Protein backbone atom coordinates (compact mmCIF):
# COMPACT_ATOMS: atom_id res chain seq x y z
CA MET A 1 1.83 -54.31 -2.77
CA GLU A 2 3.30 -54.65 0.72
CA PHE A 3 4.34 -58.06 2.00
CA SER A 4 2.76 -57.23 5.36
CA HIS A 5 -0.71 -57.15 3.76
CA CYS A 6 -1.22 -60.92 3.72
CA ILE A 7 -4.48 -62.30 2.39
CA SER A 8 -6.14 -65.57 3.33
CA LEU A 9 -5.36 -68.77 1.47
CA SER A 10 -8.94 -69.03 0.19
CA GLY A 11 -8.74 -65.42 -0.98
CA ALA A 12 -5.41 -66.12 -2.69
CA LEU A 13 -6.84 -69.15 -4.49
CA GLN A 14 -9.88 -67.18 -5.66
CA LEU A 15 -7.61 -64.36 -6.85
CA VAL A 16 -5.34 -66.75 -8.76
CA LEU A 17 -8.20 -68.55 -10.48
CA SER A 18 -9.95 -65.30 -11.39
CA HIS A 19 -6.84 -63.93 -13.13
CA LEU A 20 -5.97 -66.98 -15.21
CA PRO A 21 -6.02 -66.47 -18.99
CA GLU A 22 -9.53 -66.77 -20.44
CA THR A 23 -8.40 -69.33 -23.02
CA VAL A 24 -7.21 -72.73 -21.87
CA VAL A 25 -4.31 -74.57 -23.50
CA ARG A 26 -4.77 -75.79 -27.07
CA THR A 27 -5.93 -79.26 -28.07
CA GLU A 28 -4.37 -82.19 -29.86
CA THR A 29 -5.62 -85.59 -30.98
CA LEU A 30 -3.70 -88.55 -29.60
CA PRO A 31 -3.91 -92.33 -30.00
CA LEU A 32 -5.83 -93.85 -27.11
CA PRO A 33 -2.77 -95.54 -25.50
CA GLU A 34 -1.16 -92.10 -25.10
CA CYS A 35 -4.16 -90.48 -23.41
CA LEU A 36 -3.75 -91.71 -19.83
CA GLY A 37 -3.86 -88.78 -17.43
CA ARG A 38 -4.77 -86.27 -20.14
CA THR A 39 -7.73 -83.88 -20.02
CA VAL A 40 -10.45 -84.32 -22.63
CA ALA A 41 -11.14 -81.22 -24.73
CA VAL A 42 -14.74 -82.02 -25.70
CA ASP A 43 -17.61 -84.10 -24.38
CA ILE A 44 -17.09 -87.73 -25.45
CA VAL A 45 -20.25 -89.66 -26.29
CA SER A 46 -20.86 -93.34 -26.93
CA LYS A 47 -20.91 -94.26 -30.63
CA ASP A 48 -23.09 -97.31 -29.95
CA ASP A 49 -25.15 -98.93 -27.26
CA LEU A 50 -22.82 -100.60 -24.77
CA PRO A 51 -23.11 -103.51 -24.60
CA PRO A 52 -24.39 -103.73 -28.19
CA PHE A 53 -26.58 -106.71 -27.28
CA SER A 54 -28.10 -108.23 -24.14
CA ARG A 55 -25.68 -110.82 -22.76
CA SER A 56 -25.23 -113.30 -19.97
CA THR A 57 -23.02 -112.51 -16.97
CA VAL A 58 -22.65 -116.19 -15.97
CA ASP A 59 -22.29 -119.67 -17.43
CA GLY A 60 -25.78 -121.13 -17.42
CA PHE A 61 -29.02 -121.41 -19.35
CA ALA A 62 -31.16 -118.69 -20.95
CA VAL A 63 -34.81 -119.05 -19.95
CA ARG A 64 -38.08 -117.25 -19.63
CA SER A 65 -38.03 -116.30 -15.95
CA ALA A 66 -41.76 -116.99 -15.55
CA ASP A 67 -41.06 -120.66 -16.33
CA THR A 68 -38.83 -120.94 -13.25
CA PHE A 69 -41.17 -119.51 -10.64
CA GLY A 70 -41.52 -121.95 -7.74
CA ALA A 71 -38.44 -123.96 -8.70
CA ALA A 72 -36.43 -125.41 -5.82
CA GLU A 73 -34.19 -128.40 -5.16
CA GLY A 74 -37.13 -130.45 -3.93
CA VAL A 75 -39.45 -129.35 -6.75
CA PRO A 76 -37.32 -128.67 -9.85
CA VAL A 77 -38.78 -127.27 -13.06
CA LEU A 78 -38.26 -129.38 -16.20
CA LEU A 79 -37.40 -127.45 -19.38
CA ASN A 80 -36.60 -128.56 -22.90
CA LEU A 81 -32.96 -127.79 -23.83
CA ILE A 82 -33.06 -126.69 -27.49
CA GLY A 83 -29.45 -125.71 -28.21
CA GLU A 84 -26.39 -123.66 -27.28
CA VAL A 85 -25.18 -120.09 -27.91
CA LEU A 86 -21.51 -119.89 -28.97
CA MET A 87 -19.31 -116.88 -28.26
CA GLY A 88 -18.96 -114.41 -31.11
CA GLN A 89 -21.36 -116.27 -33.41
CA GLN A 90 -24.82 -115.36 -34.68
CA THR A 91 -27.73 -117.51 -33.52
CA ASP A 92 -31.31 -117.84 -34.70
CA LEU A 93 -32.38 -119.68 -31.55
CA SER A 94 -35.53 -118.32 -29.92
CA VAL A 95 -36.66 -119.36 -26.45
CA GLN A 96 -40.33 -120.25 -26.17
CA SER A 97 -42.22 -121.10 -22.99
CA GLY A 98 -40.84 -124.33 -21.48
CA GLN A 99 -37.50 -124.07 -23.32
CA ALA A 100 -33.88 -123.24 -22.37
CA VAL A 101 -30.63 -122.51 -24.23
CA ALA A 102 -27.11 -123.17 -22.92
CA MET A 103 -25.14 -119.91 -22.43
CA PRO A 104 -21.46 -119.00 -21.87
CA THR A 105 -20.51 -115.95 -19.82
CA GLY A 106 -20.76 -112.95 -22.17
CA GLY A 107 -22.86 -114.83 -24.71
CA LYS A 108 -25.67 -113.06 -26.57
CA LEU A 109 -29.07 -113.63 -24.99
CA PRO A 110 -31.37 -115.37 -27.50
CA GLN A 111 -34.75 -113.95 -28.47
CA GLY A 112 -37.53 -114.69 -26.00
CA ALA A 113 -35.27 -115.18 -22.96
CA ASP A 114 -35.20 -112.60 -20.16
CA ALA A 115 -32.93 -114.28 -17.55
CA VAL A 116 -30.14 -116.81 -17.13
CA VAL A 117 -30.05 -119.61 -14.57
CA MET A 118 -26.56 -120.29 -13.24
CA VAL A 119 -25.25 -123.73 -14.19
CA GLU A 120 -24.77 -124.51 -10.46
CA TYR A 121 -28.56 -124.49 -10.01
CA THR A 122 -29.34 -126.91 -12.83
CA GLU A 123 -29.09 -130.60 -13.69
CA ASN A 124 -29.10 -132.39 -17.06
CA PRO A 125 -30.97 -135.73 -16.98
CA ASP A 126 -30.13 -136.07 -20.71
CA ASN A 127 -28.90 -133.99 -23.65
CA HIS A 128 -32.32 -132.48 -24.27
CA SER A 129 -33.63 -131.89 -20.76
CA LEU A 130 -32.82 -129.34 -18.04
CA LEU A 131 -33.88 -129.38 -14.41
CA VAL A 132 -33.94 -125.89 -12.85
CA LEU A 133 -33.38 -126.00 -9.07
CA LYS A 134 -33.74 -122.28 -8.32
CA ALA A 135 -36.09 -119.59 -9.62
CA VAL A 136 -34.70 -116.50 -11.36
CA ALA A 137 -36.22 -113.04 -11.65
CA PRO A 138 -36.59 -111.09 -14.91
CA GLY A 139 -33.18 -109.66 -15.87
CA GLU A 140 -31.25 -111.83 -13.41
CA ASN A 141 -27.68 -112.64 -14.53
CA VAL A 142 -28.19 -110.49 -17.64
CA ILE A 143 -26.76 -107.16 -18.81
CA VAL A 144 -29.24 -105.67 -21.25
CA LYS A 145 -28.37 -103.81 -24.44
CA GLY A 146 -27.27 -100.24 -23.66
CA GLU A 147 -27.20 -100.78 -19.89
CA ASP A 148 -23.64 -99.40 -19.65
CA PHE A 149 -24.05 -96.55 -22.16
CA LYS A 150 -26.85 -95.62 -24.50
CA ILE A 151 -25.87 -94.49 -28.00
CA ASN A 152 -24.91 -90.78 -27.86
CA GLY A 153 -24.76 -90.97 -24.05
CA VAL A 154 -21.94 -88.96 -22.45
CA ILE A 155 -18.97 -91.07 -21.38
CA LEU A 156 -16.74 -88.22 -20.23
CA ARG A 157 -17.37 -84.50 -19.86
CA ARG A 158 -15.05 -81.85 -21.25
CA GLY A 159 -12.44 -80.97 -18.66
CA GLN A 160 -12.34 -84.39 -17.01
CA MET A 161 -9.23 -86.55 -16.81
CA ILE A 162 -8.73 -89.88 -18.54
CA SER A 163 -8.11 -92.61 -15.97
CA PRO A 164 -7.30 -96.28 -16.68
CA GLN A 165 -10.99 -97.10 -16.16
CA VAL A 166 -12.03 -94.39 -18.61
CA MET A 167 -9.56 -95.76 -21.19
CA GLY A 168 -11.35 -99.09 -20.94
CA ALA A 169 -14.72 -97.43 -21.56
CA LEU A 170 -13.33 -95.48 -24.52
CA ALA A 171 -11.90 -98.66 -26.02
CA ALA A 172 -15.24 -100.43 -25.54
CA CYS A 173 -16.97 -97.58 -27.38
CA GLY A 174 -14.57 -97.71 -30.33
CA TYR A 175 -12.37 -94.66 -29.67
CA SER A 176 -8.93 -95.26 -31.12
CA SER A 177 -7.96 -91.60 -30.64
CA VAL A 178 -9.18 -88.76 -28.43
CA SER A 179 -9.10 -84.95 -28.53
CA VAL A 180 -7.25 -83.82 -25.39
CA ARG A 181 -5.68 -80.67 -24.00
CA LYS A 182 -1.99 -80.21 -24.66
CA LYS A 183 0.22 -80.36 -21.63
CA PRO A 184 0.79 -76.86 -20.20
CA GLU A 185 4.42 -75.81 -20.54
CA VAL A 186 5.81 -74.54 -17.24
CA ALA A 187 9.22 -72.92 -16.77
CA ILE A 188 10.97 -73.08 -13.39
CA ILE A 189 13.72 -70.67 -12.34
CA SER A 190 15.79 -71.30 -9.22
CA THR A 191 17.36 -68.24 -7.58
CA GLY A 192 20.02 -67.58 -4.97
CA ASP A 193 23.74 -66.92 -4.82
CA GLU A 194 24.04 -69.85 -2.43
CA VAL A 195 22.19 -72.35 -4.65
CA VAL A 196 24.19 -74.77 -6.82
CA ASP A 197 23.22 -77.71 -9.02
CA VAL A 198 22.88 -81.17 -7.53
CA SER A 199 26.03 -82.29 -9.33
CA GLU A 200 28.21 -79.71 -7.56
CA VAL A 201 30.37 -80.32 -4.51
CA ILE A 202 29.12 -78.14 -1.64
CA VAL A 203 31.53 -75.37 -0.64
CA ASP A 204 31.19 -73.27 2.50
CA SER A 205 27.56 -71.96 2.77
CA GLN A 206 26.25 -73.31 -0.52
CA ILE A 207 23.13 -75.50 -0.81
CA ARG A 208 22.01 -77.78 -3.60
CA ASP A 209 18.99 -76.92 -5.74
CA ILE A 210 16.10 -78.96 -4.36
CA ASN A 211 13.09 -76.95 -5.40
CA SER A 212 13.36 -77.07 -9.18
CA TYR A 213 13.47 -80.88 -9.03
CA VAL A 214 10.61 -81.40 -6.59
CA LEU A 215 8.42 -78.72 -8.21
CA ALA A 216 9.08 -80.17 -11.67
CA ALA A 217 8.07 -83.61 -10.42
CA MET A 218 4.87 -82.29 -8.84
CA LEU A 219 3.88 -80.43 -12.00
CA GLU A 220 4.73 -83.30 -14.34
CA GLN A 221 2.52 -85.45 -12.13
CA ALA A 222 -0.21 -82.81 -12.59
CA GLY A 223 0.01 -83.13 -16.38
CA CYS A 224 2.57 -80.47 -17.36
CA THR A 225 5.66 -80.34 -19.51
CA VAL A 226 8.34 -78.70 -17.36
CA ARG A 227 11.41 -76.75 -18.44
CA ARG A 228 14.00 -76.19 -15.73
CA CYS A 229 15.74 -72.93 -16.57
CA GLY A 230 18.73 -73.27 -14.30
CA ILE A 231 19.95 -71.29 -11.30
CA VAL A 232 20.01 -67.48 -11.33
CA PRO A 233 22.10 -65.38 -8.89
CA ASP A 234 20.52 -62.72 -6.66
CA SER A 235 20.70 -60.05 -9.33
CA TYR A 236 17.90 -57.96 -10.82
CA GLU A 237 19.48 -58.04 -14.28
CA ALA A 238 20.11 -61.79 -14.20
CA LEU A 239 16.55 -62.54 -13.07
CA LYS A 240 15.11 -60.19 -15.71
CA THR A 241 17.06 -62.01 -18.42
CA ALA A 242 16.04 -65.42 -17.13
CA MET A 243 12.39 -64.32 -16.87
CA THR A 244 12.41 -63.04 -20.45
CA GLU A 245 13.64 -66.41 -21.68
CA ALA A 246 11.29 -68.39 -19.41
CA LEU A 247 8.20 -66.50 -20.62
CA THR A 248 8.87 -67.52 -24.21
CA GLY A 249 6.63 -70.43 -25.10
CA SER A 250 5.45 -71.02 -21.51
CA GLN A 251 1.93 -71.04 -20.11
CA MET A 252 3.26 -70.51 -16.57
CA VAL A 253 6.49 -69.50 -14.83
CA LEU A 254 7.60 -70.46 -11.32
CA ILE A 255 10.41 -68.62 -9.55
CA SER A 256 11.84 -70.52 -6.60
CA GLY A 257 13.26 -68.24 -3.91
CA GLY A 258 13.46 -64.47 -3.93
CA SER A 259 9.88 -64.00 -2.73
CA SER A 260 10.62 -62.41 0.65
CA VAL A 261 11.19 -58.69 1.26
CA GLY A 262 14.94 -58.58 1.59
CA THR A 263 17.03 -56.15 -0.43
CA ARG A 264 18.21 -59.02 -2.63
CA ASP A 265 14.74 -60.39 -3.41
CA HIS A 266 13.95 -58.97 -6.85
CA THR A 267 10.98 -61.04 -8.03
CA VAL A 268 8.27 -58.39 -7.58
CA ARG A 269 10.32 -55.65 -9.27
CA VAL A 270 11.21 -57.93 -12.16
CA ILE A 271 7.58 -58.90 -12.77
CA GLN A 272 6.48 -55.27 -12.67
CA SER A 273 9.23 -54.26 -15.11
CA PHE A 274 7.52 -56.04 -18.03
CA GLU A 275 4.82 -54.47 -20.16
CA GLN A 276 1.28 -55.69 -19.47
CA ALA A 277 2.34 -57.00 -16.07
CA SER A 278 0.73 -56.89 -12.64
CA VAL A 279 1.46 -58.30 -9.19
CA PHE A 280 -1.77 -59.32 -7.47
CA LEU A 281 -0.51 -60.74 -4.21
CA HIS A 282 2.63 -60.81 -2.10
CA GLY A 283 2.10 -62.65 1.13
CA ILE A 284 -0.45 -65.23 2.23
CA ALA A 285 -1.64 -65.93 5.77
CA VAL A 286 -0.46 -69.51 5.66
CA LYS A 287 2.21 -71.60 7.34
CA PRO A 288 4.42 -72.69 5.73
CA GLY A 289 4.48 -70.54 2.61
CA LYS A 290 3.80 -66.96 3.72
CA PRO A 291 6.17 -65.17 1.28
CA THR A 292 4.33 -66.12 -1.92
CA ILE A 293 3.95 -63.92 -5.01
CA PHE A 294 1.45 -64.14 -7.83
CA GLY A 295 1.33 -61.97 -10.92
CA ILE A 296 0.60 -61.97 -14.63
CA VAL A 297 3.09 -61.02 -17.35
CA GLY A 298 1.64 -60.70 -20.86
CA GLY A 299 -1.12 -63.17 -20.02
CA VAL A 300 1.27 -65.70 -18.44
CA PRO A 301 0.75 -66.52 -14.73
CA VAL A 302 3.92 -66.10 -12.67
CA PHE A 303 4.40 -67.51 -9.16
CA GLY A 304 7.17 -66.52 -6.79
CA LEU A 305 7.52 -69.39 -4.34
CA PRO A 306 9.40 -69.49 -1.03
CA GLY A 307 12.90 -70.89 -1.09
CA HIS A 308 12.39 -73.39 1.71
CA PRO A 309 11.47 -76.72 0.09
CA VAL A 310 8.50 -77.62 2.29
CA SER A 311 7.06 -74.12 1.90
CA ALA A 312 7.47 -74.32 -1.88
CA MET A 313 5.81 -77.75 -2.01
CA THR A 314 2.92 -76.58 0.17
CA ILE A 315 2.17 -73.58 -2.04
CA CYS A 316 2.59 -75.64 -5.19
CA GLN A 317 -0.06 -78.03 -3.91
CA ALA A 318 -2.40 -75.32 -2.59
CA LEU A 319 -2.18 -72.72 -5.41
CA VAL A 320 -0.10 -73.78 -8.40
CA LYS A 321 -1.77 -77.13 -9.06
CA PRO A 322 -5.28 -75.62 -8.95
CA ALA A 323 -4.04 -73.00 -11.44
CA ILE A 324 -2.80 -75.80 -13.71
CA ALA A 325 -6.22 -77.43 -13.46
CA GLY A 326 -7.73 -74.10 -14.54
CA LEU A 327 -5.42 -73.86 -17.56
CA LEU A 328 -6.45 -77.39 -18.53
CA GLY A 329 -10.11 -76.40 -18.45
CA HIS A 330 -11.09 -78.68 -15.60
CA GLU A 331 -14.71 -78.04 -14.72
CA GLN A 332 -13.82 -78.71 -11.08
CA LEU A 333 -10.69 -79.51 -9.18
CA GLU A 334 -9.84 -83.19 -9.10
CA PRO A 335 -10.22 -84.53 -5.56
CA GLU A 336 -6.99 -85.55 -3.91
CA HIS A 337 -6.51 -88.89 -2.21
CA ARG A 338 -7.70 -88.40 1.35
CA ILE A 339 -8.55 -90.53 4.35
CA ILE A 340 -10.17 -89.77 7.70
CA ALA A 341 -8.01 -90.24 10.79
CA ARG A 342 -7.75 -89.05 14.39
CA ILE A 343 -4.98 -86.70 15.46
CA THR A 344 -2.77 -88.16 18.20
CA ARG A 345 -2.09 -84.93 20.12
CA ASN A 346 -3.02 -81.28 20.51
CA VAL A 347 -1.81 -79.02 17.69
CA ALA A 348 -1.79 -75.25 18.14
CA SER A 349 -2.65 -72.89 15.29
CA ALA A 350 -3.11 -69.15 14.95
CA PRO A 351 -6.64 -67.96 14.10
CA GLY A 352 -6.63 -66.07 10.82
CA ARG A 353 -3.93 -68.29 9.33
CA ASP A 354 -4.13 -71.60 7.43
CA ASP A 355 -1.69 -74.16 8.76
CA PHE A 356 -0.53 -77.30 6.97
CA ILE A 357 0.74 -79.98 9.35
CA ARG A 358 2.71 -82.96 8.12
CA VAL A 359 1.63 -86.24 9.69
CA LYS A 360 2.62 -89.88 9.82
CA LEU A 361 -0.25 -92.38 9.65
CA LEU A 362 -0.47 -95.10 12.28
CA ARG A 363 -2.78 -98.08 11.76
CA ARG A 364 -4.41 -99.21 15.00
CA ASP A 365 -7.24 -101.58 15.84
CA ASP A 366 -9.75 -98.70 15.86
CA GLY A 367 -8.57 -97.18 12.55
CA TYR A 368 -5.99 -94.65 11.37
CA TRP A 369 -4.31 -92.12 13.63
CA ALA A 370 -2.33 -89.09 12.42
CA GLU A 371 0.91 -88.37 14.28
CA PRO A 372 2.11 -84.76 13.71
CA ILE A 373 5.66 -84.31 12.43
CA PHE A 374 7.04 -80.97 13.51
CA GLY A 375 9.98 -79.31 11.84
CA LYS A 376 11.08 -76.10 10.18
CA SER A 377 10.08 -75.40 6.58
CA GLY A 378 13.67 -75.84 5.42
CA LEU A 379 13.76 -79.47 6.51
CA ILE A 380 12.80 -81.69 3.61
CA SER A 381 13.24 -84.74 5.85
CA THR A 382 9.92 -83.89 7.48
CA TYR A 383 8.21 -84.36 4.12
CA LEU A 384 9.97 -87.68 3.55
CA GLU A 385 8.72 -88.96 6.90
CA ALA A 386 5.16 -87.75 6.26
CA ASP A 387 2.38 -89.91 4.86
CA GLY A 388 0.06 -86.95 4.48
CA ILE A 389 -0.90 -83.37 5.24
CA VAL A 390 -3.57 -82.04 7.61
CA HIS A 391 -5.01 -78.62 6.76
CA ILE A 392 -6.06 -76.47 9.73
CA GLY A 393 -8.33 -73.71 8.41
CA ASP A 394 -7.96 -70.05 9.31
CA MET A 395 -11.10 -70.12 11.49
CA LYS A 396 -9.60 -72.63 13.92
CA SER A 397 -7.19 -72.10 16.78
CA GLY A 398 -5.83 -75.63 16.54
CA LEU A 399 -6.75 -79.25 17.05
CA TYR A 400 -7.34 -81.32 20.15
CA GLY A 401 -5.97 -84.80 20.54
CA GLU A 402 -8.37 -87.42 19.15
CA ASP A 403 -10.08 -84.89 16.84
CA TRP A 404 -11.12 -86.33 13.49
CA VAL A 405 -9.13 -84.85 10.59
CA GLU A 406 -8.83 -85.23 6.82
CA VAL A 407 -5.39 -86.40 5.73
CA GLU A 408 -4.32 -85.61 2.19
CA LEU A 409 -1.99 -88.42 1.21
CA VAL A 410 1.42 -87.53 -0.20
CA LYS A 411 2.81 -91.02 -0.87
């Protein structure tokens, strides 16, 4: 496959997702506190009605709502106060017409009552009388049994992620452990004769390894276990050896650098040298990130990412993370954190190519504005300055100042 035959970003994403292994990663059962951010392996249903009983949402008095109709400060309704509901205790109190029961927030609604009057709208002339100063409607200030979840109702669909809010719902429904997908194991290989570890002192034209650290962080954030396989020189034999080791026990392999078409870029040849291996793309009409490779080796997806850090991060976000979501069995891609803003200036773009522009967000009286940050793909400082990314699709020739744009937040 020739590097000059670039395909669109949308075509590349479709190609990647269509060639992922048919089976997603295996499952494991974990205690609930360890499930944050994990992907559920099966539909999770409520074991009980939630809440298990109708309860009050305020401090007040349980009543029959019909008894309060017409109540106001000038014409209060007089009810007979027959007792009090205590938290966590059974009660045999039953509210009849003309009666009321004192209620704490969260207390179980007694039989016969269908609403709760807030304590602020009542007065107690004596211990057995209640004046209601405001009418309530049926169901007011009450959560009825099963209003949150009905028994056997779906709490979370297979392929969805467990958020802090979901953990609360699972705890409420009695789940002490959950069946989740195992974290995909991803191996990252850095390449280049000029690349050295971060602990090394730079000599002459050497550069420190940035990509394996930033890519590992992005993929760990996406729910992966990452194995950094070190730095490999620009040698076919060395890369073949490193690839052989990286493929063992991994569900995905990333090769940083070596994805261009120079005589020392061996990634495509190394992938093709394995049995049951194919290269499906080499080159995407995108900026930054054009020299990107995708292939499959023995059922394991392999990405060759550009060596420039910003290019590598862009492709990781646009292609690799959606592939991870596919391996985890996500029914749909999780939406990123985005806001709507207005671009501060004209931005040129080439039709037929997707462009990703780094922007800094400015808060003004009329809302957010996105200030483009221009810089070459080798400059990681441009990413540090950026609050987000603006995607210019391949059907556009650019943006005009004051155009509305979607900003994908990166901080």
